[in-house]
Structure formats: C-alpha cells, structure tokens
Protein backbone atom coordinates (compact mmCIF):
# COMPACT_ATOMS: atom_id res chain seq x y z
CA MET A 1 155.26 118.50 -2.17
CA SER A 2 151.86 117.57 -3.41
CA GLY A 3 148.74 117.53 -1.25
CA PHE A 4 148.82 113.73 -0.94
CA GLU A 5 152.42 113.70 0.25
CA GLU A 6 151.67 116.34 2.86
CA GLU A 7 148.67 114.38 4.16
CA PHE A 8 150.73 111.19 4.22
CA MET A 9 153.51 112.85 6.19
CA LYS A 10 150.94 114.26 8.60
CA TYR A 11 149.57 110.81 9.42
CA ARG A 12 152.79 108.84 9.07
CA HIS A 13 153.18 108.35 12.83
CA LEU A 14 149.56 107.31 13.21
CA ILE A 15 149.95 104.74 10.42
CA LEU A 16 153.13 103.45 12.03
CA VAL A 17 151.45 103.07 15.44
CA ILE A 18 148.44 101.28 13.94
CA SER A 19 150.77 98.93 12.02
CA VAL A 20 152.71 98.06 15.18
CA VAL A 21 149.49 97.46 17.13
CA LEU A 22 148.07 95.18 14.42
CA PHE A 23 151.34 93.25 14.17
CA SER A 24 151.46 92.83 17.95
CA TYR A 25 147.85 91.69 18.06
CA SER A 26 148.38 89.09 15.34
CA THR A 27 151.54 87.81 17.06
CA LEU A 28 149.82 87.50 20.44
CA SER A 29 146.83 85.78 18.82
CA PHE A 30 149.14 83.27 17.16
CA LEU A 31 150.96 82.57 20.41
CA TYR A 32 147.70 82.17 22.32
CA LEU A 33 146.25 79.78 19.75
CA SER A 34 149.42 77.71 19.61
CA THR A 35 149.45 77.28 23.41
CA ALA A 36 145.71 76.53 23.43
CA SER A 37 146.26 73.65 21.00
CA ALA A 38 149.06 72.32 23.22
CA LYS A 39 146.64 72.28 26.17
CA THR A 40 144.13 70.18 24.24
CA GLN A 41 146.71 67.44 23.82
CA VAL A 42 146.47 66.73 27.56
CA ALA A 43 142.80 65.78 27.20
CA PRO A 44 143.32 62.12 26.15
CA GLY A 45 144.98 61.34 29.50
CA LYS A 46 142.07 62.87 31.35
CA ALA A 47 139.59 60.98 29.16
CA ILE A 48 141.39 57.72 29.91
CA ASP A 49 141.36 58.44 33.65
CA GLU A 50 137.64 59.16 33.53
CA GLN A 51 136.90 55.97 31.60
CA VAL A 52 138.98 53.87 34.00
CA ALA A 53 137.09 55.45 36.92
CA GLN A 54 133.79 54.55 35.24
CA TYR A 55 135.01 50.98 34.72
CA ASN A 56 136.03 50.72 38.39
CA HIS A 57 132.60 51.98 39.40
CA ALA A 58 131.00 49.34 37.17
CA VAL A 59 133.16 46.65 38.80
CA LYS A 60 131.95 47.71 42.25
CA ALA A 61 128.29 48.38 41.56
CA GLY A 62 127.43 47.35 38.02
CA SER A 63 126.28 44.29 36.18
CA PRO A 64 128.57 42.10 34.04
CA MET A 65 127.17 43.89 30.98
CA ASP A 66 128.14 47.27 32.51
CA ARG A 67 131.69 46.01 33.05
CA CYS A 68 131.84 44.76 29.45
CA VAL A 69 130.69 48.10 28.05
CA GLN A 70 132.94 50.20 30.30
CA ALA A 71 136.01 48.09 29.48
CA GLY A 72 135.27 48.73 25.81
CA PHE A 73 135.15 52.47 26.49
CA VAL A 74 138.54 52.30 28.20
CA ALA A 75 140.00 50.38 25.24
CA SER A 76 138.57 53.02 22.87
CA ALA A 77 140.11 55.82 24.94
CA TYR A 78 143.51 54.18 24.64
CA ILE A 79 143.01 53.75 20.89
CA GLN A 80 142.29 57.46 20.56
CA ALA A 81 145.42 58.22 22.58
CA LYS A 82 147.37 55.93 20.21
CA ASP A 83 148.56 53.76 23.10
CA ASP A 84 148.60 50.33 21.46
CA ALA A 85 149.92 48.33 24.40
CA ASN A 86 147.24 49.50 26.82
CA SER A 87 144.61 49.30 24.10
CA GLN A 88 145.39 45.62 23.55
CA ALA A 89 145.42 44.96 27.29
CA TRP A 90 142.00 46.58 27.71
CA ASN A 91 140.65 44.72 24.70
CA GLY A 92 141.60 41.53 26.54
CA ILE A 93 139.84 42.76 29.68
CA ARG A 94 136.82 43.69 27.59
CA ASN A 95 136.75 40.23 25.99
CA ASN A 96 136.85 38.59 29.42
CA GLU A 97 134.15 40.85 30.81
CA CYS A 98 131.94 40.29 27.76
CA GLN A 99 132.35 36.51 28.04
CA THR A 100 131.35 36.78 31.71
CA ALA A 101 128.29 38.75 30.61
CA GLY A 102 127.39 35.97 28.16
CA LEU A 103 128.38 37.81 24.98
CA THR A 104 130.44 36.15 22.30
CA GLN A 105 132.24 37.79 19.47
C-alpha cells in the first residue's frame, strides 16, 4: 500500500462520520425550512382577522372616511388570500362606506 492509501484507511471512519453528520444536518435543515414555509401560509388568515378587527373598531369609534379606508384594507387582505367571494363582498362594503363618506369612484 502506498502512503496515501494508508492515510486514507486511517481516517476512513472519521470521513464516514463527518459525511453522515453533514447529510443529517442538510436533511434536518430541509425539513425545518419546509415546515417553516408551511407556517407562513397561515398568516393571511391572521392578517384578515386583524383587518376585520380594525374595521370593526372604525365602525365603533371612527369617521366615515376611516370606515371606507378600513373596508378597503379588508378587501385587499382577502385579495391577497385569493378569496374572491369575500373580496367582492368587502369591495361592496367599501363602496357603500366610501359613498357614505362622500367619495365617488
């Protein structure tokens, strides 16, 4: 055996352990990142809830202009969530609120 082969055989187990560790790390990183992206898909529902809460606050304590603006934000949140039915419904609410505020389109 040559000197290189002897050195390789000496460190073969170390190379094998390092390879397994690196493979495990990359697999765990992939799994973590794939579950993290799944968690971000929940965010549109939370954003919608927050916008509806802001609209309800504007209805209780805001001006007609505040209600118009907040209804538009809710409609935009539904557009981002790709919920066409609710987006159209909130666009109707926004149009009514904006007319009440004296705005025309």
